[in-house]
Amino acid sequence: MAGRYDGVEITETQVPDGDGGLRTVRYLRRRPAPREPTLPPLALHRVVAGDRPDLLASRHLGDPTVWWRIADANRVLDPAELTATPGDVVVIPTPEL
C-alpha cells in the first residue's frame, strides 16, 4: 500500500553547522495537495468521544496506518482535527485501486 509521502521528491540544501562550516540537510519537498476522489465515499462517520484517526482507519479501511487517506479526504493537515469534535462527520474514502 502506498504511503502518504510516496513519490515526493527528496532534495537537499546546505546550512551553517555552527562551527563556520556547512552541513547538508536532506528533506522532502512539499507534498502536493491530494487529488479529488474519483469514487464516492465508502462511509460517513459521526465522531464520538474516544475516536482517533488510526482507529477510524482500522475500523473502516482495515489498516490503522492509512489514517492519512481519511485526513486527505477531509482536507485536514492535522489528523487530530478529524476527531476533535464529537458530532462532526468524517468522510471515509473508498480506497482507490
PDB file of N, CA and C in Angstrom:
ATOM      1  N   MET A   1       0.851  -1.175   0.000  1.00  0.00           N
ATOM      2  CA  MET A   1       0.000   0.000   0.000  1.00  0.00           C
ATOM      3  C   MET A   1       0.895   1.235   0.000  1.00  0.00           C
ATOM      4  N   ALA A   2       0.529   2.226  -0.727  1.00  0.00           N
ATOM      5  CA  ALA A   2       1.317   3.448  -0.832  1.00  0.00           C
ATOM      6  C   ALA A   2       1.247   4.249   0.461  1.00  0.00           C
ATOM      7  N   GLY A   3       2.331   4.929   0.762  1.00  0.00           N
ATOM      8  CA  GLY A   3       2.381   5.807   1.918  1.00  0.00           C
ATOM      9  C   GLY A   3       2.039   7.237   1.540  1.00  0.00           C
ATOM     10  N   ARG A   4       1.820   8.054   2.544  1.00  0.00           N
ATOM     11  CA  ARG A   4       1.408   9.438   2.323  1.00  0.00           C
ATOM     12  C   ARG A   4       2.446  10.243   1.541  1.00  0.00           C
ATOM     13  N   TYR A   5       3.718   9.897   1.688  1.00  0.00           N
ATOM     14  CA  TYR A   5       4.766  10.668   1.032  1.00  0.00           C
ATOM     15  C   TYR A   5       5.445   9.916  -0.105  1.00  0.00           C
ATOM     16  N   ASP A   6       4.873   8.807  -0.549  1.00  0.00           N
ATOM     17  CA  ASP A   6       5.415   8.105  -1.709  1.00  0.00           C
ATOM     18  C   ASP A   6       5.400   9.041  -2.913  1.00  0.00           C
ATOM     19  N   GLY A   7       6.505   9.074  -3.617  1.00  0.00           N
ATOM     20  CA  GLY A   7       6.584   9.884  -4.815  1.00  0.00           C
ATOM     21  C   GLY A   7       6.976  11.335  -4.582  1.00  0.00           C
ATOM     22  N   VAL A   8       7.086  11.760  -3.311  1.00  0.00           N
ATOM     23  CA  VAL A   8       7.510  13.125  -3.030  1.00  0.00           C
ATOM     24  C   VAL A   8       9.031  13.173  -3.134  1.00  0.00           C
ATOM     25  N   GLU A   9       9.523  14.134  -3.897  1.00  0.00           N
ATOM     26  CA  GLU A   9      10.949  14.239  -4.165  1.00  0.00           C
ATOM     27  C   GLU A   9      11.743  14.579  -2.901  1.00  0.00           C
ATOM     28  N   ILE A  10      12.898  13.924  -2.742  1.00  0.00           N
ATOM     29  CA  ILE A  10      13.838  14.249  -1.673  1.00  0.00           C
ATOM     30  C   ILE A  10      14.884  15.181  -2.267  1.00  0.00           C
ATOM     31  N   THR A  11      15.174  16.242  -1.573  1.00  0.00           N
ATOM     32  CA  THR A  11      16.178  17.192  -2.037  1.00  0.00           C
ATOM     33  C   THR A  11      17.095  17.532  -0.875  1.00  0.00           C
ATOM     34  N   GLU A  12      18.079  18.366  -1.108  1.00  0.00           N
ATOM     35  CA  GLU A  12      18.993  18.735  -0.029  1.00  0.00           C
ATOM     36  C   GLU A  12      19.415  20.186  -0.170  1.00  0.00           C
ATOM     37  N   THR A  13      19.884  20.721   0.945  1.00  0.00           N
ATOM     38  CA  THR A  13      20.379  22.089   0.982  1.00  0.00           C
ATOM     39  C   THR A  13      21.558  22.141   1.938  1.00  0.00           C
ATOM     40  N   GLN A  14      22.331  23.201   1.857  1.00  0.00           N
ATOM     41  CA  GLN A  14      23.453  23.421   2.751  1.00  0.00           C
ATOM     42  C   GLN A  14      23.044  24.444   3.807  1.00  0.00           C
ATOM     43  N   VAL A  15      23.358  24.161   5.063  1.00  0.00           N
ATOM     44  CA  VAL A  15      23.064  25.079   6.164  1.00  0.00           C
ATOM     45  C   VAL A  15      24.314  25.234   7.022  1.00  0.00           C
ATOM     46  N   PRO A  16      24.453  26.374   7.699  1.00  0.00           N
ATOM     47  CA  PRO A  16      25.598  26.550   8.588  1.00  0.00           C
ATOM     48  C   PRO A  16      25.584  25.484   9.682  1.00  0.00           C
ATOM     49  N   ASP A  17      26.784  24.992  10.020  1.00  0.00           N
ATOM     50  CA  ASP A  17      26.866  23.939  11.038  1.00  0.00           C
ATOM     51  C   ASP A  17      27.167  24.482  12.431  1.00  0.00           C
ATOM     52  N   GLY A  18      27.329  25.812  12.563  1.00  0.00           N
ATOM     53  CA  GLY A  18      27.607  26.409  13.860  1.00  0.00           C
ATOM     54  C   GLY A  18      29.092  26.526  14.168  1.00  0.00           C
ATOM     55  N   ASP A  19      29.943  25.910  13.348  1.00  0.00           N
ATOM     56  CA  ASP A  19      31.391  25.970  13.534  1.00  0.00           C
ATOM     57  C   ASP A  19      32.071  26.654  12.364  1.00  0.00           C
ATOM     58  N   GLY A  20      31.330  27.416  11.589  1.00  0.00           N
ATOM     59  CA  GLY A  20      31.887  28.111  10.447  1.00  0.00           C
ATOM     60  C   GLY A  20      31.832  27.319   9.149  1.00  0.00           C
ATOM     61  N   GLY A  21      31.367  26.110   9.216  1.00  0.00           N
ATOM     62  CA  GLY A  21      31.260  25.288   8.019  1.00  0.00           C
ATOM     63  C   GLY A  21      29.816  25.112   7.597  1.00  0.00           C
ATOM     64  N   LEU A  22      29.618  24.185   6.701  1.00  0.00           N
ATOM     65  CA  LEU A  22      28.280  23.871   6.211  1.00  0.00           C
ATOM     66  C   LEU A  22      28.003  22.393   6.400  1.00  0.00           C
ATOM     67  N   ARG A  23      26.762  22.083   6.545  1.00  0.00           N
ATOM     68  CA  ARG A  23      26.359  20.672   6.537  1.00  0.00           C
ATOM     69  C   ARG A  23      25.183  20.508   5.592  1.00  0.00           C
ATOM     70  N   THR A  24      25.046  19.336   5.067  1.00  0.00           N
ATOM     71  CA  THR A  24      23.977  19.029   4.128  1.00  0.00           C
ATOM     72  C   THR A  24      22.776  18.487   4.888  1.00  0.00           C
ATOM     73  N   VAL A  25      21.619  19.037   4.587  1.00  0.00           N
ATOM     74  CA  VAL A  25      20.361  18.578   5.181  1.00  0.00           C
ATOM     75  C   VAL A  25      19.479  18.091   4.050  1.00  0.00           C
ATOM     76  N   ARG A  26      19.006  16.863   4.168  1.00  0.00           N
ATOM     77  CA  ARG A  26      18.064  16.304   3.197  1.00  0.00           C
ATOM     78  C   ARG A  26      16.650  16.477   3.727  1.00  0.00           C
ATOM     79  N   TYR A  27      15.719  16.757   2.814  1.00  0.00           N
ATOM     80  CA  TYR A  27      14.330  16.937   3.227  1.00  0.00           C
ATOM     81  C   TYR A  27      13.405  16.597   2.067  1.00  0.00           C
ATOM     82  N   LEU A  28      12.146  16.374   2.416  1.00  0.00           N
ATOM     83  CA  LEU A  28      11.117  16.122   1.400  1.00  0.00           C
ATOM     84  C   LEU A  28      10.589  17.446   0.894  1.00  0.00           C
ATOM     85  N   ARG A  29      10.425  17.543  -0.402  1.00  0.00           N
ATOM     86  CA  ARG A  29       9.774  18.728  -0.969  1.00  0.00           C
ATOM     87  C   ARG A  29       8.322  18.743  -0.501  1.00  0.00           C
ATOM     88  N   ARG A  30       7.667  19.855  -0.717  1.00  0.00           N
ATOM     89  CA  ARG A  30       6.259  19.984  -0.315  1.00  0.00           C
ATOM     90  C   ARG A  30       5.424  18.914  -1.008  1.00  0.00           C
ATOM     91  N   ARG A  31       4.575  18.287  -0.251  1.00  0.00           N
ATOM     92  CA  ARG A  31       3.676  17.267  -0.784  1.00  0.00           C
ATOM     93  C   ARG A  31       2.537  17.961  -1.526  1.00  0.00           C
ATOM     94  N   PRO A  32       2.264  17.537  -2.752  1.00  0.00           N
ATOM     95  CA  PRO A  32       1.159  18.182  -3.479  1.00  0.00           C
ATOM     96  C   PRO A  32      -0.182  17.873  -2.819  1.00  0.00           C
ATOM     97  N   ALA A  33      -1.121  18.770  -3.021  1.00  0.00           N
ATOM     98  CA  ALA A  33      -2.467  18.548  -2.486  1.00  0.00           C
ATOM     99  C   ALA A  33      -3.040  17.277  -3.093  1.00  0.00           C
ATOM    100  N   PRO A  34      -3.770  16.504  -2.284  1.00  0.00           N
ATOM    101  CA  PRO A  34      -4.362  15.271  -2.824  1.00  0.00           C
ATOM    102  C   PRO A  34      -5.375  15.593  -3.910  1.00  0.00           C
ATOM    103  N   ARG A  35      -5.465  14.704  -4.872  1.00  0.00           N
ATOM    104  CA  ARG A  35      -6.421  14.925  -5.954  1.00  0.00           C
ATOM    105  C   ARG A  35      -7.837  14.613  -5.473  1.00  0.00           C
ATOM    106  N   GLU A  36      -8.778  15.143  -6.180  1.00  0.00           N
ATOM    107  CA  GLU A  36     -10.181  14.907  -5.849  1.00  0.00           C
ATOM    108  C   GLU A  36     -10.484  13.416  -6.003  1.00  0.00           C
ATOM    109  N   PRO A  37     -11.239  12.841  -5.079  1.00  0.00           N
ATOM    110  CA  PRO A  37     -11.572  11.418  -5.214  1.00  0.00           C
ATOM    111  C   PRO A  37     -12.405  11.167  -6.461  1.00  0.00           C
ATOM    112  N   THR A  38     -12.197  10.005  -7.048  1.00  0.00           N
ATOM    113  CA  THR A  38     -12.967   9.638  -8.237  1.00  0.00           C
ATOM    114  C   THR A  38     -14.099   8.680  -7.891  1.00  0.00           C
ATOM    115  N   LEU A  39     -14.085   8.162  -6.686  1.00  0.00           N
ATOM    116  CA  LEU A  39     -15.129   7.230  -6.240  1.00  0.00           C
ATOM    117  C   LEU A  39     -15.944   7.873  -5.124  1.00  0.00           C
ATOM    118  N   PRO A  40     -17.190   7.462  -4.961  1.00  0.00           N
ATOM    119  CA  PRO A  40     -17.990   8.003  -3.858  1.00  0.00           C
ATOM    120  C   PRO A  40     -17.404   7.538  -2.522  1.00  0.00           C
ATOM    121  N   PRO A  41     -17.703   8.246  -1.429  1.00  0.00           N
ATOM    122  CA  PRO A  41     -17.176   7.843  -0.124  1.00  0.00           C
ATOM    123  C   PRO A  41     -17.617   6.429   0.245  1.00  0.00           C
ATOM    124  N   LEU A  42     -16.760   5.748   0.971  1.00  0.00           N
ATOM    125  CA  LEU A  42     -17.081   4.428   1.493  1.00  0.00           C
ATOM    126  C   LEU A  42     -18.123   4.557   2.605  1.00  0.00           C
ATOM    127  N   ALA A  43     -17.941   5.606   3.446  1.00  0.00           N
ATOM    128  CA  ALA A  43     -18.850   5.802   4.581  1.00  0.00           C
ATOM    129  C   ALA A  43     -18.742   7.235   5.072  1.00  0.00           C
ATOM    130  N   LEU A  44     -19.724   7.618   5.854  1.00  0.00           N
ATOM    131  CA  LEU A  44     -19.667   8.852   6.629  1.00  0.00           C
ATOM    132  C   LEU A  44     -19.686   8.424   8.088  1.00  0.00           C
ATOM    133  N   HIS A  45     -18.766   8.935   8.869  1.00  0.00           N
ATOM    134  CA  HIS A  45     -18.636   8.532  10.272  1.00  0.00           C
ATOM    135  C   HIS A  45     -18.890   9.730  11.167  1.00  0.00           C
ATOM    136  N   ARG A  46     -19.833   9.600  12.099  1.00  0.00           N
ATOM    137  CA  ARG A  46     -20.094  10.666  13.074  1.00  0.00           C
ATOM    138  C   ARG A  46     -19.158  10.437  14.262  1.00  0.00           C
ATOM    139  N   VAL A  47     -18.346  11.445  14.562  1.00  0.00           N
ATOM    140  CA  VAL A  47     -17.326  11.353  15.606  1.00  0.00           C
ATOM    141  C   VAL A  47     -17.977  11.222  16.977  1.00  0.00           C
ATOM    142  N   VAL A  48     -17.445  10.291  17.781  1.00  0.00           N
ATOM    143  CA  VAL A  48     -17.841  10.132  19.177  1.00  0.00           C
ATOM    144  C   VAL A  48     -16.587  10.245  20.035  1.00  0.00           C
ATOM    145  N   ALA A  49     -16.782  10.512  21.317  1.00  0.00           N
ATOM    146  CA  ALA A  49     -15.652  10.619  22.241  1.00  0.00           C
ATOM    147  C   ALA A  49     -14.822   9.336  22.169  1.00  0.00           C
ATOM    148  N   GLY A  50     -13.523   9.494  22.128  1.00  0.00           N
ATOM    149  CA  GLY A  50     -12.625   8.342  22.073  1.00  0.00           C
ATOM    150  C   GLY A  50     -12.182   7.963  20.673  1.00  0.00           C
ATOM    151  N   ASP A  51     -12.829   8.529  19.648  1.00  0.00           N
ATOM    152  CA  ASP A  51     -12.391   8.250  18.275  1.00  0.00           C
ATOM    153  C   ASP A  51     -11.008   8.839  18.048  1.00  0.00           C
ATOM    154  N   ARG A  52     -10.229   8.145  17.233  1.00  0.00           N
ATOM    155  CA  ARG A  52      -8.914   8.616  16.794  1.00  0.00           C
ATOM    156  C   ARG A  52      -8.779   8.281  15.324  1.00  0.00           C
ATOM    157  N   PRO A  53      -7.978   9.046  14.589  1.00  0.00           N
ATOM    158  CA  PRO A  53      -7.820   8.773  13.160  1.00  0.00           C
ATOM    159  C   PRO A  53      -7.355   7.352  12.866  1.00  0.00           C
ATOM    160  N   ASP A  54      -6.422   6.822  13.648  1.00  0.00           N
ATOM    161  CA  ASP A  54      -5.944   5.465  13.397  1.00  0.00           C
ATOM    162  C   ASP A  54      -7.024   4.427  13.661  1.00  0.00           C
ATOM    163  N   LEU A  55      -7.874   4.688  14.644  1.00  0.00           N
ATOM    164  CA  LEU A  55      -8.963   3.755  14.927  1.00  0.00           C
ATOM    165  C   LEU A  55     -10.013   3.777  13.816  1.00  0.00           C
ATOM    166  N   LEU A  56     -10.287   4.969  13.269  1.00  0.00           N
ATOM    167  CA  LEU A  56     -11.222   5.052  12.139  1.00  0.00           C
ATOM    168  C   LEU A  56     -10.668   4.299  10.936  1.00  0.00           C
ATOM    169  N   ALA A  57      -9.366   4.481  10.670  1.00  0.00           N
ATOM    170  CA  ALA A  57      -8.747   3.792   9.536  1.00  0.00           C
ATOM    171  C   ALA A  57      -8.790   2.283   9.728  1.00  0.00           C
ATOM    172  N   SER A  58      -8.531   1.838  10.926  1.00  0.00           N
ATOM    173  CA  SER A  58      -8.573   0.397  11.203  1.00  0.00           C
ATOM    174  C   SER A  58      -9.985  -0.148  11.024  1.00  0.00           C
ATOM    175  N   ARG A  59     -10.960   0.557  11.582  1.00  0.00           N
ATOM    176  CA  ARG A  59     -12.353   0.095  11.539  1.00  0.00           C
ATOM    177  C   ARG A  59     -12.912   0.088  10.115  1.00  0.00           C
ATOM    178  N   HIS A  60     -12.673   1.148   9.374  1.00  0.00           N
ATOM    179  CA  HIS A  60     -13.309   1.289   8.062  1.00  0.00           C
ATOM    180  C   HIS A  60     -12.453   0.803   6.890  1.00  0.00           C
ATOM    181  N   LEU A  61     -11.117   0.929   7.027  1.00  0.00           N
ATOM    182  CA  LEU A  61     -10.237   0.587   5.911  1.00  0.00           C
ATOM    183  C   LEU A  61      -9.378  -0.643   6.183  1.00  0.00           C
ATOM    184  N   GLY A  62      -9.448  -1.159   7.420  1.00  0.00           N
ATOM    185  CA  GLY A  62      -8.727  -2.387   7.748  1.00  0.00           C
ATOM    186  C   GLY A  62      -7.248  -2.208   8.031  1.00  0.00           C
ATOM    187  N   ASP A  63      -6.779  -0.964   8.149  1.00  0.00           N
ATOM    188  CA  ASP A  63      -5.352  -0.720   8.382  1.00  0.00           C
ATOM    189  C   ASP A  63      -5.188   0.614   9.111  1.00  0.00           C
ATOM    190  N   PRO A  64      -4.722   0.593  10.359  1.00  0.00           N
ATOM    191  CA  PRO A  64      -4.600   1.845  11.109  1.00  0.00           C
ATOM    192  C   PRO A  64      -3.560   2.802  10.552  1.00  0.00           C
ATOM    193  N   THR A  65      -2.642   2.311   9.725  1.00  0.00           N
ATOM    194  CA  THR A  65      -1.584   3.179   9.210  1.00  0.00           C
ATOM    195  C   THR A  65      -2.027   4.034   8.029  1.00  0.00           C
ATOM    196  N   VAL A  66      -3.231   3.837   7.542  1.00  0.00           N
ATOM    197  CA  VAL A  66      -3.707   4.648   6.406  1.00  0.00           C
ATOM    198  C   VAL A  66      -4.656   5.768   6.852  1.00  0.00           C
ATOM    199  N   TRP A  67      -4.499   6.198   8.099  1.00  0.00           N
ATOM    200  CA  TRP A  67      -5.279   7.329   8.622  1.00  0.00           C
ATOM    201  C   TRP A  67      -5.143   8.555   7.716  1.00  0.00           C
ATOM    202  N   TRP A  68      -3.989   8.682   7.054  1.00  0.00           N
ATOM    203  CA  TRP A  68      -3.725   9.841   6.198  1.00  0.00           C
ATOM    204  C   TRP A  68      -4.679   9.901   5.010  1.00  0.00           C
ATOM    205  N   ARG A  69      -5.196   8.741   4.570  1.00  0.00           N
ATOM    206  CA  ARG A  69      -6.181   8.760   3.485  1.00  0.00           C
ATOM    207  C   ARG A  69      -7.462   9.469   3.934  1.00  0.00           C
ATOM    208  N   ILE A  70      -7.832   9.247   5.175  1.00  0.00           N
ATOM    209  CA  ILE A  70      -9.019   9.902   5.736  1.00  0.00           C
ATOM    210  C   ILE A  70      -8.739  11.397   5.896  1.00  0.00           C
ATOM    211  N   ALA A  71      -7.541  11.739   6.370  1.00  0.00           N
ATOM    212  CA  ALA A  71      -7.173  13.154   6.512  1.00  0.00           C
ATOM    213  C   ALA A  71      -7.219  13.850   5.155  1.00  0.00           C
ATOM    214  N   ASP A  72      -6.667  13.212   4.136  1.00  0.00           N
ATOM    215  CA  ASP A  72      -6.683  13.795   2.791  1.00  0.00           C
ATOM    216  C   ASP A  72      -8.110  13.977   2.281  1.00  0.00           C
ATOM    217  N   ALA A  73      -8.965  12.991   2.498  1.00  0.00           N
ATOM    218  CA  ALA A  73     -10.346  13.056   2.008  1.00  0.00           C
ATOM    219  C   ALA A  73     -11.130  14.188   2.673  1.00  0.00           C
ATOM    220  N   ASN A  74     -10.697  14.565   3.883  1.00  0.00           N
ATOM    221  CA  ASN A  74     -11.378  15.617   4.623  1.00  0.00           C
ATOM    222  C   ASN A  74     -10.619  16.940   4.589  1.00  0.00           C
ATOM    223  N   ARG A  75      -9.550  16.975   3.783  1.00  0.00           N
ATOM    224  CA  ARG A  75      -8.762  18.186   3.581  1.00  0.00           C
ATOM    225  C   ARG A  75      -8.240  18.784   4.892  1.00  0.00           C
ATOM    226  N   VAL A  76      -7.692  17.948   5.777  1.00  0.00           N
ATOM    227  CA  VAL A  76      -7.077  18.438   7.007  1.00  0.00           C
ATOM    228  C   VAL A  76      -5.593  18.094   7.003  1.00  0.00           C
ATOM    229  N   LEU A  77      -4.783  19.005   7.519  1.00  0.00           N
ATOM    230  CA  LEU A  77      -3.352  18.754   7.654  1.00  0.00           C
ATOM    231  C   LEU A  77      -3.045  18.070   8.979  1.00  0.00           C
ATOM    232  N   ASP A  78      -3.740  18.484  10.035  1.00  0.00           N
ATOM    233  CA  ASP A  78      -3.531  17.905  11.358  1.00  0.00           C
ATOM    234  C   ASP A  78      -4.575  16.817  11.572  1.00  0.00           C
ATOM    235  N   PRO A  79      -4.153  15.547  11.627  1.00  0.00           N
ATOM    236  CA  PRO A  79      -5.129  14.470  11.751  1.00  0.00           C
ATOM    237  C   PRO A  79      -5.977  14.549  13.023  1.00  0.00           C
ATOM    238  N   ALA A  80      -5.477  15.212  14.056  1.00  0.00           N
ATOM    239  CA  ALA A  80      -6.259  15.346  15.291  1.00  0.00           C
ATOM    240  C   ALA A  80      -7.553  16.118  15.052  1.00  0.00           C
ATOM    241  N   GLU A  81      -7.561  16.980  14.021  1.00  0.00           N
ATOM    242  CA  GLU A  81      -8.782  17.739  13.697  1.00  0.00           C
ATOM    243  C   GLU A  81      -9.937  16.825  13.313  1.00  0.00           C
ATOM    244  N   LEU A  82      -9.622  15.655  12.777  1.00  0.00           N
ATOM    245  CA  LEU A  82     -10.671  14.743  12.313  1.00  0.00           C
ATOM    246  C   LEU A  82     -11.615  14.337  13.436  1.00  0.00           C
ATOM    247  N   THR A  83     -11.071  14.106  14.621  1.00  0.00           N
ATOM    248  CA  THR A  83     -11.860  13.548  15.717  1.00  0.00           C
ATOM    249  C   THR A  83     -11.922  14.465  16.930  1.00  0.00           C
ATOM    250  N   ALA A  84     -11.576  15.730  16.752  1.00  0.00           N
ATOM    251  CA  ALA A  84     -11.528  16.663  17.880  1.00  0.00           C
ATOM    252  C   ALA A  84     -12.903  17.028  18.421  1.00  0.00           C
ATOM    253  N   THR A  85     -13.908  17.021  17.554  1.00  0.00           N
ATOM    254  CA  THR A  85     -15.229  17.500  17.961  1.00  0.00           C
ATOM    255  C   THR A  85     -16.278  16.406  17.789  1.00  0.00           C
ATOM    256  N   PRO A  86     -16.737  15.809  18.907  1.00  0.00           N
ATOM    257  CA  PRO A  86     -17.817  14.829  18.790  1.00  0.00           C
ATOM    258  C   PRO A  86     -19.026  15.434  18.074  1.00  0.00           C
ATOM    259  N   GLY A  87     -19.598  14.621  17.199  1.00  0.00           N
ATOM    260  CA  GLY A  87     -20.739  15.076  16.403  1.00  0.00           C
ATOM    261  C   GLY A  87     -20.357  15.460  14.982  1.00  0.00           C
ATOM    262  N   ASP A  88     -19.088  15.837  14.780  1.00  0.00           N
ATOM    263  CA  ASP A  88     -18.641  16.134  13.407  1.00  0.00           C
ATOM    264  C   ASP A  88     -18.746  14.889  12.548  1.00  0.00           C
ATOM    265  N   VAL A  89     -18.918  15.084  11.253  1.00  0.00           N
ATOM    266  CA  VAL A  89     -18.997  13.970  10.311  1.00  0.00           C
ATOM    267  C   VAL A  89     -17.686  13.909   9.525  1.00  0.00           C
ATOM    268  N   VAL A  90     -17.096  12.727   9.491  1.00  0.00           N
ATOM    269  CA  VAL A  90     -15.833  12.479   8.786  1.00  0.00           C
ATOM    270  C   VAL A  90     -16.127  11.608   7.567  1.00  0.00           C
ATOM    271  N   VAL A  91     -15.614  12.034   6.421  1.00  0.00           N
ATOM    272  CA  VAL A  91     -15.751  11.238   5.189  1.00  0.00           C
ATOM    273  C   VAL A  91     -14.702  10.134   5.214  1.00  0.00           C
ATOM    274  N   ILE A  92     -15.138   8.896   5.019  1.00  0.00           N
ATOM    275  CA  ILE A  92     -14.238   7.759   4.890  1.00  0.00           C
ATOM    276  C   ILE A  92     -14.149   7.462   3.388  1.00  0.00           C
ATOM    277  N   PRO A  93     -12.945   7.655   2.797  1.00  0.00           N
ATOM    278  CA  PRO A  93     -12.834   7.477   1.351  1.00  0.00           C
ATOM    279  C   PRO A  93     -12.828   6.023   0.934  1.00  0.00           C
ATOM    280  N   THR A  94     -13.335   5.774  -0.231  1.00  0.00           N
ATOM    281  CA  THR A  94     -13.212   4.449  -0.843  1.00  0.00           C
ATOM    282  C   THR A  94     -11.783   4.343  -1.345  1.00  0.00           C
ATOM    283  N   PRO A  95     -11.066   3.276  -0.978  1.00  0.00           N
ATOM    284  CA  PRO A  95      -9.674   3.154  -1.450  1.00  0.00           C
ATOM    285  C   PRO A  95      -9.627   3.108  -2.975  1.00  0.00           C
ATOM    286  N   GLU A  96      -8.745   3.911  -3.544  1.00  0.00           N
ATOM    287  CA  GLU A  96      -8.528   3.900  -4.995  1.00  0.00           C
ATOM    288  C   GLU A  96      -7.678   2.691  -5.327  1.00  0.00           C
ATOM    289  N   LEU A  97      -8.047   1.953  -6.331  1.00  0.00           N
ATOM    290  CA  LEU A  97      -7.285   0.758  -6.700  1.00  0.00           C
ATOM    291  C   LEU A  97      -6.273   1.067  -7.744  1.00  0.00           C
TER     292      LEU A  97
END
